[in-house]
C-alpha atoms as a PDB file:
ATOM      1  CA  PRO A   1       0.000   0.000   0.000  1.00  0.00           C
ATOM      2  CA  LYS A   2       1.023   3.567  -0.657  1.00  0.00           C
ATOM      3  CA  PHE A   3       0.197   4.648   2.918  1.00  0.00           C
ATOM      4  CA  PRO A   4       0.652   1.619   5.214  1.00  0.00           C
ATOM      5  CA  ASN A   5       0.248   3.631   8.425  1.00  0.00           C
ATOM      6  CA  TYR A   6      -3.043   5.227   7.417  1.00  0.00           C
ATOM      7  CA  ILE A   7      -6.642   4.141   7.371  1.00  0.00           C
ATOM      8  CA  PHE A   8      -8.844   6.142   5.003  1.00  0.00           C
ATOM      9  CA  ALA A   9     -12.513   6.465   5.873  1.00  0.00           C
ATOM     10  CA  SER A  10     -15.566   8.360   4.819  1.00  0.00           C
ATOM     11  CA  THR A  11     -17.832   9.784   7.452  1.00  0.00           C
ATOM     12  CA  ARG A  12     -21.219  11.388   7.028  1.00  0.00           C
ATOM     13  CA  LEU A  13     -19.814  14.528   5.392  1.00  0.00           C
ATOM     14  CA  ASN A  14     -16.046  13.995   5.317  1.00  0.00           C
ATOM     15  CA  PHE A  15     -13.224  11.956   3.908  1.00  0.00           C
ATOM     16  CA  ILE A  16     -10.409  11.480   6.408  1.00  0.00           C
ATOM     17  CA  ALA A  17      -6.989   9.851   6.744  1.00  0.00           C
ATOM     18  CA  ILE A  18      -6.269   8.397  10.172  1.00  0.00           C
ATOM     19  CA  GLU A  19      -2.604   7.867  11.003  1.00  0.00           C
ATOM     20  CA  VAL A  20      -2.230   4.804  13.193  1.00  0.00           C
ATOM     21  CA  ASN A  21       0.492   3.043  15.070  1.00  0.00           C
ATOM     22  CA  TRP A  22       0.090  -0.718  14.700  1.00  0.00           C
ATOM     23  CA  GLU A  23       0.849  -2.159  18.115  1.00  0.00           C
ATOM     24  CA  THR A  24       2.954  -5.314  17.996  1.00  0.00           C
ATOM     25  CA  ASN A  25       1.239  -8.364  19.490  1.00  0.00           C
ATOM     26  CA  SER A  26      -1.919  -6.397  20.156  1.00  0.00           C
ATOM     27  CA  GLU A  27      -5.375  -6.320  18.692  1.00  0.00           C
ATOM     28  CA  PHE A  28      -5.490  -2.548  19.084  1.00  0.00           C
ATOM     29  CA  VAL A  29      -4.119   0.325  17.049  1.00  0.00           C
ATOM     30  CA  LYS A  30      -3.175   3.703  18.432  1.00  0.00           C
ATOM     31  CA  VAL A  31      -4.449   6.771  16.589  1.00  0.00           C
ATOM     32  CA  LYS A  32      -1.589   9.241  16.169  1.00  0.00           C
ATOM     33  CA  SER A  33      -3.368  11.901  14.124  1.00  0.00           C
ATOM     34  CA  TYR A  34      -6.021  12.445  11.508  1.00  0.00           C
ATOM     35  CA  LYS A  35      -6.449  14.660   8.479  1.00  0.00           C
ATOM     36  CA  ARG A  36      -9.792  15.866   7.159  1.00  0.00           C
ATOM     37  CA  PHE A  37      -9.876  16.540   3.416  1.00  0.00           C
ATOM     38  CA  THR A  38     -12.098  19.607   3.473  1.00  0.00           C
ATOM     39  CA  GLU A  39     -12.528  19.715  -0.309  1.00  0.00           C
ATOM     40  CA  ILE A  40     -14.865  16.742   0.014  1.00  0.00           C
ATOM     41  CA  SER A  41     -17.908  17.643   2.067  1.00  0.00           C
ATOM     42  CA  ASP A  42     -20.646  15.419   0.646  1.00  0.00           C
ATOM     43  CA  GLU A  43     -22.143  12.219   1.924  1.00  0.00           C
ATOM     44  CA  LEU A  44     -20.028   9.467   0.341  1.00  0.00           C
ATOM     45  CA  PHE A  45     -21.549   6.211  -0.888  1.00  0.00           C
ATOM     46  CA  CYS A  46     -18.728   4.339  -2.490  1.00  0.00           C
ATOM     47  CA  SER A  47     -14.953   4.454  -2.748  1.00  0.00           C
ATOM     48  CA  GLU A  48     -12.302   2.639  -4.730  1.00  0.00           C
ATOM     49  CA  ILE A  49      -8.536   2.799  -5.093  1.00  0.00           C
ATOM     50  CA  ASP A  50      -7.204   2.654  -8.642  1.00  0.00           C
ATOM     51  CA  SER A  51      -4.031   0.976  -9.890  1.00  0.00           C
ATOM     52  CA  ASP A  52      -2.026   4.142  -9.081  1.00  0.00           C
ATOM     53  CA  ASN A  53      -3.285   4.122  -5.466  1.00  0.00           C
ATOM     54  CA  ASN A  54      -5.445   7.201  -5.961  1.00  0.00           C
ATOM     55  CA  PHE A  55      -9.000   7.465  -4.659  1.00  0.00           C
ATOM     56  CA  TRP A  56     -12.324   7.568  -6.467  1.00  0.00           C
ATOM     57  CA  LEU A  57     -15.256   8.593  -4.240  1.00  0.00           C
ATOM     58  CA  SER A  58     -18.935   8.923  -5.063  1.00  0.00           C
ATOM     59  CA  SER A  59     -21.654  11.059  -3.566  1.00  0.00           C
ATOM     60  CA  PRO A  60     -25.135  11.922  -4.797  1.00  0.00           C
ATOM     61  CA  ASN A  61     -24.806  13.090  -8.403  1.00  0.00           C
ATOM     62  CA  LYS A  62     -21.004  13.446  -8.420  1.00  0.00           C
ATOM     63  CA  VAL A  63     -17.677  11.645  -8.403  1.00  0.00           C
ATOM     64  CA  TYR A  64     -14.449  12.836  -6.819  1.00  0.00           C
ATOM     65  CA  TYR A  65     -11.009  11.830  -8.017  1.00  0.00           C
ATOM     66  CA  MET A  66      -8.258  12.352  -5.474  1.00  0.00           C
ATOM     67  CA  ARG A  67      -4.670  12.124  -6.708  1.00  0.00           C
ATOM     68  CA  ILE A  68      -2.704  11.754  -3.514  1.00  0.00           C
ATOM     69  CA  ASN A  69       1.076  12.065  -3.448  1.00  0.00           C
ATOM     70  CA  SER A  70       1.273  12.455   0.319  1.00  0.00           C
ATOM     71  CA  ILE A  71      -1.204  13.247   3.073  1.00  0.00           C
ATOM     72  CA  ASP A  72      -0.526  16.957   2.615  1.00  0.00           C
ATOM     73  CA  ASP A  73       0.108  16.918  -1.155  1.00  0.00           C
ATOM     74  CA  TYR A  74      -3.038  15.974  -3.057  1.00  0.00           C
ATOM     75  CA  GLN A  75      -5.439  17.290  -5.673  1.00  0.00           C
ATOM     76  CA  VAL A  76      -9.188  16.755  -5.746  1.00  0.00           C
ATOM     77  CA  SER A  77     -11.181  16.894  -8.986  1.00  0.00           C
ATOM     78  CA  GLU A  78     -14.964  16.802  -9.024  1.00  0.00           C
ATOM     79  CA  PHE A  79     -17.053  15.383 -11.875  1.00  0.00           C
ATOM     80  CA  THR A  80     -20.777  15.643 -12.567  1.00  0.00           C
ATOM     81  CA  ALA A  81     -23.042  15.300 -15.578  1.00  0.00           C
ATOM     82  CA  LYS A  82     -22.193  18.933 -16.405  1.00  0.00           C
ATOM     83  CA  SER A  83     -18.501  18.055 -16.646  1.00  0.00           C
ATOM     84  CA  GLY A  84     -19.051  15.063 -18.940  1.00  0.00           C
ATOM     85  CA  LEU A  85     -19.750  12.179 -16.572  1.00  0.00           C
ATOM     86  CA  ALA A  86     -22.898  10.214 -17.353  1.00  0.00           C
ATOM     87  CA  GLU A  87     -25.801  11.316 -15.208  1.00  0.00           C
ATOM     88  CA  SER A  88     -26.530   9.089 -12.244  1.00  0.00           C
ATOM     89  CA  ASN A  89     -28.068   9.589  -8.822  1.00  0.00           C
ATOM     90  CA  ARG A  90     -25.590   7.127  -7.297  1.00  0.00           C
ATOM     91  CA  TYR A  91     -22.260   6.101  -8.797  1.00  0.00           C
ATOM     92  CA  HIS A  92     -20.529   2.830  -8.000  1.00  0.00           C
ATOM     93  CA  PHE A  93     -17.074   1.554  -8.917  1.00  0.00           C
ATOM     94  CA  PHE A  94     -15.622  -1.740 -10.059  1.00  0.00           C
ATOM     95  CA  ASN A  95     -11.910  -2.473 -10.201  1.00  0.00           C
ATOM     96  CA  ASN A  96     -11.339  -5.096 -12.887  1.00  0.00           C
ATOM     97  CA  ASN A  97      -7.707  -6.167 -12.558  1.00  0.00           C
ATOM     98  CA  GLY A  98      -6.518  -2.596 -12.054  1.00  0.00           C
ATOM     99  CA  LYS A  99      -8.860  -1.043 -14.609  1.00  0.00           C
ATOM    100  CA  LEU A 100     -11.416   1.172 -12.923  1.00  0.00           C
ATOM    101  CA  ASN A 101     -15.018   1.265 -14.116  1.00  0.00           C
ATOM    102  CA  ILE A 102     -17.683   3.737 -13.064  1.00  0.00           C
ATOM    103  CA  LEU A 103     -21.155   2.225 -12.917  1.00  0.00           C
ATOM    104  CA  THR A 104     -23.922   4.676 -13.779  1.00  0.00           C
ATOM    105  CA  ASN A 105     -27.577   4.924 -14.729  1.00  0.00           C
ATOM    106  CA  LYS A 106     -26.353   5.014 -18.341  1.00  0.00           C
ATOM    107  CA  GLY A 107     -23.970   2.084 -18.530  1.00  0.00           C
ATOM    108  CA  ILE A 108     -20.378   1.281 -17.619  1.00  0.00           C
ATOM    109  CA  PHE A 109     -17.745   3.963 -18.128  1.00  0.00           C
ATOM    110  CA  LYS A 110     -13.997   4.234 -17.803  1.00  0.00           C
ATOM    111  CA  PRO A 111     -11.910   7.333 -17.172  1.00  0.00           C
ATOM    112  CA  VAL A 112      -9.583   8.640 -19.855  1.00  0.00           C
ATOM    113  CA  PHE A 113      -6.747  10.629 -18.352  1.00  0.00           C
ATOM    114  CA  PRO A 114      -5.412  13.720 -20.116  1.00  0.00           C
ATOM    115  CA  LYS A 115      -2.001  13.484 -21.741  1.00  0.00           C
ATOM    116  CA  ASN A 116       1.018  15.762 -21.402  1.00  0.00           C
ATOM    117  CA  ASN A 117       0.601  16.365 -17.652  1.00  0.00           C
ATOM    118  CA  LEU A 118      -2.631  18.292 -18.121  1.00  0.00           C
ATOM    119  CA  PRO A 119      -4.732  18.649 -14.940  1.00  0.00           C
ATOM    120  CA  ASP A 120      -6.926  15.817 -13.681  1.00  0.00           C
ATOM    121  CA  SER A 121      -9.925  18.119 -13.989  1.00  0.00           C
ATOM    122  CA  LEU A 122      -9.737  17.326 -17.737  1.00  0.00           C
ATOM    123  CA  ILE A 123     -10.384  13.601 -17.230  1.00  0.00           C
ATOM    124  CA  THR A 124     -13.073  12.433 -19.655  1.00  0.00           C
ATOM    125  CA  PHE A 125     -15.312   9.381 -19.477  1.00  0.00           C
ATOM    126  CA  ILE A 126     -16.262   6.925 -22.216  1.00  0.00           C
ATOM    127  CA  HIS A 127     -18.273   3.724 -22.275  1.00  0.00           C
ATOM    128  CA  ASP A 128     -16.009   0.742 -21.653  1.00  0.00           C
ATOM    129  CA  ASP A 129     -16.470  -1.630 -24.589  1.00  0.00           C
ATOM    130  CA  PHE A 130     -14.902  -4.493 -22.587  1.00  0.00           C
ATOM    131  CA  TRP A 131     -18.427  -5.251 -21.328  1.00  0.00           C
ATOM    132  CA  GLY A 132     -20.076  -5.548 -24.747  1.00  0.00           C
ATOM    133  CA  LYS A 133     -22.630  -3.506 -26.606  1.00  0.00           C
ATOM    134  CA  GLY A 134     -25.339  -3.885 -23.971  1.00  0.00           C
ATOM    135  CA  PHE A 135     -23.430  -1.607 -21.615  1.00  0.00           C
ATOM    136  CA  THR A 136     -22.119   0.908 -24.117  1.00  0.00           C
ATOM    137  CA  LYS A 137     -25.513   2.477 -24.591  1.00  0.00           C
ATOM    138  CA  ASP A 138     -27.033   5.138 -22.415  1.00  0.00           C
ATOM    139  CA  SER A 139     -29.895   2.831 -21.485  1.00  0.00           C
ATOM    140  CA  ALA A 140     -28.368   0.288 -19.088  1.00  0.00           C
ATOM    141  CA  SER A 141     -28.459   1.258 -15.412  1.00  0.00           C
ATOM    142  CA  VAL A 142     -25.691  -0.676 -13.628  1.00  0.00           C
ATOM    143  CA  GLN A 143     -25.472  -0.885  -9.822  1.00  0.00           C
ATOM    144  CA  ASN A 144     -22.843  -3.572  -9.221  1.00  0.00           C
ATOM    145  CA  ILE A 145     -20.484  -6.051 -10.877  1.00  0.00           C
ATOM    146  CA  ILE A 146     -19.327  -9.233  -9.187  1.00  0.00           C
ATOM    147  CA  LYS A 147     -16.407 -11.148 -10.657  1.00  0.00           C
ATOM    148  CA  LEU A 148     -17.266 -14.836 -10.342  1.00  0.00           C
ATOM    149  CA  SER A 149     -14.122 -16.257 -11.951  1.00  0.00           C
ATOM    150  CA  GLN A 150     -11.346 -15.215 -14.318  1.00  0.00           C
ATOM    151  CA  ASN A 151     -13.757 -14.610 -17.197  1.00  0.00           C
ATOM    152  CA  LYS A 152     -17.253 -14.698 -15.677  1.00  0.00           C
ATOM    153  CA  TYR A 153     -19.158 -11.766 -14.214  1.00  0.00           C
ATOM    154  CA  TYR A 154     -22.556 -11.087 -12.746  1.00  0.00           C
ATOM    155  CA  ILE A 155     -23.800  -7.596 -13.581  1.00  0.00           C
ATOM    156  CA  HIS A 156     -26.579  -6.247 -11.396  1.00  0.00           C
ATOM    157  CA  SER A 157     -28.380  -3.844 -13.659  1.00  0.00           C
ATOM    158  CA  SER A 158     -31.823  -2.910 -14.874  1.00  0.00           C
ATOM    159  CA  GLN A 159     -31.541  -6.269 -16.708  1.00  0.00           C
ATOM    160  CA  PRO A 160     -29.433  -8.635 -14.531  1.00  0.00           C
ATOM    161  CA  ILE A 161     -26.956 -10.448 -16.746  1.00  0.00           C
ATOM    162  CA  PHE A 162     -24.302 -13.131 -16.565  1.00  0.00           C
ATOM    163  CA  LEU A 163     -21.326 -12.444 -18.879  1.00  0.00           C
ATOM    164  CA  SER A 164     -18.726 -14.928 -19.974  1.00  0.00           C
ATOM    165  CA  ILE A 165     -15.811 -13.389 -21.855  1.00  0.00           C
ATOM    166  CA  GLN A 166     -14.099 -15.922 -24.091  1.00  0.00           C
ATOM    167  CA  LYS A 167     -10.359 -16.058 -24.836  1.00  0.00           C
ATOM    168  CA  ASN A 168     -10.973 -14.688 -28.333  1.00  0.00           C
ATOM    169  CA  GLY A 169     -12.756 -11.666 -26.830  1.00  0.00           C
ATOM    170  CA  GLU A 170     -16.233 -12.928 -27.696  1.00  0.00           C
ATOM    171  CA  ILE A 171     -18.819 -12.071 -25.064  1.00  0.00           C
ATOM    172  CA  ILE A 172     -21.541 -14.541 -24.232  1.00  0.00           C
ATOM    173  CA  ALA A 173     -24.407 -12.882 -22.392  1.00  0.00           C
ATOM    174  CA  ASP A 174     -27.126 -14.754 -20.541  1.00  0.00           C
ATOM    175  CA  THR A 175     -30.057 -12.695 -19.257  1.00  0.00           C
ATOM    176  CA  ASN A 176     -32.078 -15.738 -18.208  1.00  0.00           C
ATOM    177  CA  PHE A 177     -29.483 -17.338 -15.949  1.00  0.00           C
ATOM    178  CA  LEU A 178     -31.434 -16.615 -12.744  1.00  0.00           C
ATOM    179  CA  LYS A 179     -34.173 -18.931 -14.009  1.00  0.00           C
ATOM    180  CA  LYS A 180     -31.600 -21.688 -14.666  1.00  0.00           C
ATOM    181  CA  ILE A 181     -30.018 -21.703 -11.211  1.00  0.00           C
ATOM    182  CA  SER A 182     -31.325 -24.440  -8.968  1.00  0.00           C
ATOM    183  CA  ILE A 183     -30.032 -27.092  -6.629  1.00  0.00           C
ATOM    184  CA  GLU A 184     -30.283 -29.620  -9.473  1.00  0.00           C
ATOM    185  CA  ASN A 185     -28.346 -27.364 -11.888  1.00  0.00           C
ATOM    186  CA  PRO A 186     -25.551 -25.596  -9.967  1.00  0.00           C
ATOM    187  CA  SER A 187     -23.498 -25.015 -13.140  1.00  0.00           C
ATOM    188  CA  TYR A 188     -23.338 -21.249 -12.588  1.00  0.00           C
END
């Protein structure tokens, strides 16, 4: 981890870093200090750490990206539908082997970072075609993704779906799998 002596937590209206001292041979930790990130003052629903150990946080109708170099050296960028993020009343995240997805009322998106050291506030969002055409349209509301195995996923959406991604990249989608699951047929 980038910050092994810190626990990051969201509270009702804050995002904080708690510096702890891990006591040897003890079930307790000692709190040394804490830092409140005042730029984030919304109720947070969901958080995820990306492959660069930076934070993605969601609140009603917005997403925060927090590039954190140290506890005192960080930048916070805020994204809403007005800044190009798909509209959603509650955003969720899925980390698929280091690739972050943002789950919205309008499908599955991925961030595209600006080149040439431009500011994070210029991050854009596009549908992630990894998930197939059903989730690259603005009509699929996605709440959660559960990775079942190396190439199988359950997507909780307006139309629950089981995806199997083949080695050749072909996507096999099964929208009726819930009807197939039974004690006699545990193949899923």
